[in-house]
Amino acid sequence: MTPPQSRPTERRRPGAKAHTDRRTPQPSKPAHRPVAERRAAVEALLAEGLSDREIARRAGVSPSTVSAVRKAQGATKIGA
């Protein structure tokens, strides 16, 4: 009786990720709000005169996003 044939072992580079089956359900990520919606929320809070940190916390965005919106508003006013 012959032994069952086995597949040759695959060699991977150190640190390489193992192949994952794409059919395996992955945990769903929360849907992102559209950019226009986030920007509108930040602009509304900017009008209240809040700090970038407080605006970021309330709008659910990063402080750098608030800063970018603030800079974009300033550029629009200068160019107008």
N, C-alpha and C. Protein backbone atom coordinates (compact mmCIF):
# COMPACT_ATOMS: atom_id res chain seq x y z
N MET A 1 0.84 -1.17 0.00
CA MET A 1 0.00 0.00 0.00
C MET A 1 0.89 1.25 0.00
N THR A 2 0.56 2.20 -0.87
CA THR A 2 1.40 3.40 -0.98
C THR A 2 0.82 4.49 -0.07
N PRO A 3 1.70 5.28 0.52
CA PRO A 3 1.21 6.36 1.38
C PRO A 3 0.54 7.44 0.54
N PRO A 4 -0.42 8.17 1.13
CA PRO A 4 -1.08 9.24 0.38
C PRO A 4 -0.06 10.31 -0.01
N GLN A 5 -0.26 10.89 -1.18
CA GLN A 5 0.65 11.93 -1.62
C GLN A 5 0.39 13.20 -0.82
N SER A 6 1.47 13.81 -0.44
CA SER A 6 1.32 15.06 0.31
C SER A 6 1.79 16.21 -0.56
N ARG A 7 1.26 17.38 -0.28
CA ARG A 7 1.66 18.56 -1.03
C ARG A 7 3.02 19.02 -0.53
N PRO A 8 3.86 19.51 -1.41
CA PRO A 8 5.15 20.00 -0.94
C PRO A 8 4.94 21.21 -0.03
N THR A 9 5.79 21.35 0.92
CA THR A 9 5.66 22.49 1.83
C THR A 9 6.04 23.76 1.09
N GLU A 10 5.28 24.80 1.34
CA GLU A 10 5.55 26.07 0.69
C GLU A 10 6.46 26.89 1.57
N ARG A 11 7.39 27.54 0.94
CA ARG A 11 8.31 28.39 1.69
C ARG A 11 7.86 29.83 1.53
N ARG A 12 7.82 30.52 2.63
CA ARG A 12 7.47 31.94 2.61
C ARG A 12 8.62 32.75 3.15
N ARG A 13 8.64 33.99 2.73
CA ARG A 13 9.64 34.90 3.27
C ARG A 13 9.31 35.14 4.73
N PRO A 14 10.31 35.39 5.54
CA PRO A 14 10.03 35.72 6.94
C PRO A 14 9.16 36.97 7.00
N GLY A 15 8.13 36.92 7.78
CA GLY A 15 7.24 38.06 7.95
C GLY A 15 6.15 38.16 6.89
N ALA A 16 6.17 37.27 5.88
CA ALA A 16 5.14 37.30 4.85
C ALA A 16 3.82 36.79 5.43
N LYS A 17 2.75 37.40 5.00
CA LYS A 17 1.44 37.00 5.50
C LYS A 17 0.98 35.73 4.81
N ALA A 18 0.27 34.92 5.54
CA ALA A 18 -0.27 33.69 4.97
C ALA A 18 -1.44 34.03 4.07
N HIS A 19 -1.67 33.20 3.07
CA HIS A 19 -2.80 33.41 2.16
C HIS A 19 -4.10 33.27 2.93
N THR A 20 -5.00 34.18 2.70
CA THR A 20 -6.31 34.09 3.34
C THR A 20 -7.35 33.82 2.28
N ASP A 21 -8.31 33.02 2.62
CA ASP A 21 -9.39 32.70 1.71
C ASP A 21 -10.34 33.88 1.65
N ARG A 22 -10.52 34.45 0.47
CA ARG A 22 -11.37 35.64 0.34
C ARG A 22 -12.84 35.34 0.59
N ARG A 23 -13.20 34.08 0.56
CA ARG A 23 -14.59 33.73 0.81
C ARG A 23 -14.93 33.74 2.29
N THR A 24 -13.91 33.81 3.13
CA THR A 24 -14.14 33.85 4.56
C THR A 24 -14.72 35.21 4.92
N PRO A 25 -15.84 35.25 5.62
CA PRO A 25 -16.43 36.55 5.96
C PRO A 25 -15.47 37.34 6.86
N GLN A 26 -15.30 38.59 6.51
CA GLN A 26 -14.47 39.49 7.28
C GLN A 26 -15.37 40.39 8.12
N PRO A 27 -14.86 40.84 9.27
CA PRO A 27 -15.68 41.75 10.06
C PRO A 27 -15.92 43.03 9.27
N SER A 28 -17.13 43.50 9.30
CA SER A 28 -17.45 44.70 8.51
C SER A 28 -16.92 45.94 9.21
N LYS A 29 -16.47 46.87 8.40
CA LYS A 29 -15.99 48.15 8.92
C LYS A 29 -17.16 49.12 8.91
N PRO A 30 -17.14 50.06 9.84
CA PRO A 30 -18.23 51.04 9.82
C PRO A 30 -18.15 51.88 8.55
N ALA A 31 -19.28 52.22 8.01
CA ALA A 31 -19.31 53.03 6.79
C ALA A 31 -18.83 54.45 7.12
N HIS A 32 -18.03 54.99 6.23
CA HIS A 32 -17.57 56.36 6.41
C HIS A 32 -18.62 57.33 5.91
N ARG A 33 -18.70 58.46 6.58
CA ARG A 33 -19.60 59.50 6.11
C ARG A 33 -18.97 60.17 4.90
N PRO A 34 -19.77 60.67 3.99
CA PRO A 34 -19.22 61.37 2.83
C PRO A 34 -18.39 62.58 3.27
N VAL A 35 -17.40 62.92 2.46
CA VAL A 35 -16.51 64.03 2.78
C VAL A 35 -17.30 65.32 2.96
N ALA A 36 -18.26 65.56 2.08
CA ALA A 36 -19.04 66.80 2.16
C ALA A 36 -19.79 66.89 3.49
N GLU A 37 -20.26 65.76 3.98
CA GLU A 37 -20.99 65.75 5.25
C GLU A 37 -20.05 66.07 6.42
N ARG A 38 -18.86 65.46 6.41
CA ARG A 38 -17.89 65.74 7.48
C ARG A 38 -17.44 67.19 7.43
N ARG A 39 -17.20 67.68 6.22
CA ARG A 39 -16.75 69.06 6.07
C ARG A 39 -17.81 70.04 6.57
N ALA A 40 -19.08 69.78 6.24
CA ALA A 40 -20.17 70.65 6.68
C ALA A 40 -20.26 70.67 8.21
N ALA A 41 -20.07 69.51 8.82
CA ALA A 41 -20.11 69.44 10.29
C ALA A 41 -18.99 70.26 10.89
N VAL A 42 -17.80 70.15 10.31
CA VAL A 42 -16.64 70.91 10.82
C VAL A 42 -16.88 72.40 10.63
N GLU A 43 -17.37 72.80 9.46
CA GLU A 43 -17.61 74.22 9.19
C GLU A 43 -18.64 74.81 10.15
N ALA A 44 -19.67 74.05 10.47
CA ALA A 44 -20.70 74.53 11.41
C ALA A 44 -20.09 74.75 12.79
N LEU A 45 -19.21 73.84 13.21
CA LEU A 45 -18.59 73.99 14.52
C LEU A 45 -17.52 75.07 14.52
N LEU A 46 -16.87 75.29 13.38
CA LEU A 46 -15.90 76.40 13.28
C LEU A 46 -16.61 77.74 13.51
N ALA A 47 -17.83 77.83 13.00
CA ALA A 47 -18.60 79.07 13.15
C ALA A 47 -18.90 79.37 14.62
N GLU A 48 -18.91 78.33 15.46
CA GLU A 48 -19.16 78.53 16.88
C GLU A 48 -17.93 79.02 17.62
N GLY A 49 -16.77 79.00 16.95
CA GLY A 49 -15.55 79.50 17.56
C GLY A 49 -14.88 78.51 18.49
N LEU A 50 -15.12 77.22 18.30
CA LEU A 50 -14.52 76.20 19.16
C LEU A 50 -13.08 75.92 18.73
N SER A 51 -12.32 75.28 19.62
CA SER A 51 -10.95 74.90 19.30
C SER A 51 -10.96 73.72 18.33
N ASP A 52 -9.83 73.53 17.64
CA ASP A 52 -9.73 72.41 16.69
C ASP A 52 -9.96 71.07 17.38
N ARG A 53 -9.41 70.93 18.57
CA ARG A 53 -9.58 69.67 19.32
C ARG A 53 -11.03 69.40 19.66
N GLU A 54 -11.72 70.43 20.11
CA GLU A 54 -13.13 70.27 20.49
C GLU A 54 -13.99 69.99 19.26
N ILE A 55 -13.70 70.68 18.17
CA ILE A 55 -14.44 70.44 16.93
C ILE A 55 -14.22 69.01 16.46
N ALA A 56 -12.97 68.55 16.50
CA ALA A 56 -12.64 67.19 16.07
C ALA A 56 -13.39 66.17 16.91
N ARG A 57 -13.43 66.39 18.21
CA ARG A 57 -14.12 65.46 19.10
C ARG A 57 -15.61 65.41 18.79
N ARG A 58 -16.22 66.57 18.62
CA ARG A 58 -17.66 66.62 18.37
C ARG A 58 -18.04 66.11 16.99
N ALA A 59 -17.20 66.39 15.98
CA ALA A 59 -17.52 65.99 14.60
C ALA A 59 -17.07 64.57 14.29
N GLY A 60 -16.26 63.98 15.17
CA GLY A 60 -15.78 62.62 14.93
C GLY A 60 -14.72 62.55 13.85
N VAL A 61 -13.89 63.57 13.75
CA VAL A 61 -12.80 63.60 12.78
C VAL A 61 -11.51 63.89 13.52
N SER A 62 -10.39 63.86 12.82
CA SER A 62 -9.11 64.15 13.46
C SER A 62 -8.88 65.66 13.50
N PRO A 63 -8.06 66.12 14.45
CA PRO A 63 -7.73 67.55 14.51
C PRO A 63 -7.07 68.05 13.21
N SER A 64 -6.33 67.18 12.53
CA SER A 64 -5.70 67.61 11.28
C SER A 64 -6.75 67.85 10.19
N THR A 65 -7.86 67.13 10.24
CA THR A 65 -8.96 67.37 9.30
C THR A 65 -9.57 68.74 9.55
N VAL A 66 -9.74 69.07 10.82
CA VAL A 66 -10.28 70.38 11.17
C VAL A 66 -9.34 71.48 10.68
N SER A 67 -8.06 71.28 10.88
CA SER A 67 -7.07 72.25 10.44
C SER A 67 -7.12 72.43 8.92
N ALA A 68 -7.25 71.33 8.19
CA ALA A 68 -7.32 71.39 6.72
C ALA A 68 -8.55 72.16 6.26
N VAL A 69 -9.68 71.94 6.92
CA VAL A 69 -10.91 72.66 6.56
C VAL A 69 -10.74 74.14 6.87
N ARG A 70 -10.13 74.45 8.00
CA ARG A 70 -9.90 75.85 8.38
C ARG A 70 -9.01 76.53 7.33
N LYS A 71 -7.95 75.86 6.91
CA LYS A 71 -7.04 76.43 5.90
C LYS A 71 -7.76 76.61 4.57
N ALA A 72 -8.59 75.66 4.19
CA ALA A 72 -9.33 75.75 2.94
C ALA A 72 -10.29 76.93 2.96
N GLN A 73 -10.91 77.17 4.12
CA GLN A 73 -11.81 78.31 4.24
C GLN A 73 -11.03 79.62 4.09
N GLY A 74 -9.86 79.68 4.70
CA GLY A 74 -9.03 80.87 4.61
C GLY A 74 -8.58 81.14 3.18
N ALA A 75 -8.22 80.09 2.46
CA ALA A 75 -7.78 80.24 1.07
C ALA A 75 -8.94 80.71 0.19
N THR A 76 -10.15 80.25 0.49
CA THR A 76 -11.31 80.66 -0.29
C THR A 76 -11.60 82.14 -0.06
N LYS A 77 -11.47 82.59 1.18
CA LYS A 77 -11.74 84.00 1.50
C LYS A 77 -10.70 84.90 0.85
N ILE A 78 -9.45 84.47 0.83
CA ILE A 78 -8.39 85.30 0.24
C ILE A 78 -8.58 85.40 -1.27
N GLY A 79 -8.90 84.29 -1.90
CA GLY A 79 -9.06 84.26 -3.35
C GLY A 79 -10.35 84.89 -3.84
N ALA A 80 -11.29 85.16 -2.96
CA ALA A 80 -12.60 85.68 -3.39
C ALA A 80 -12.57 87.12 -3.77
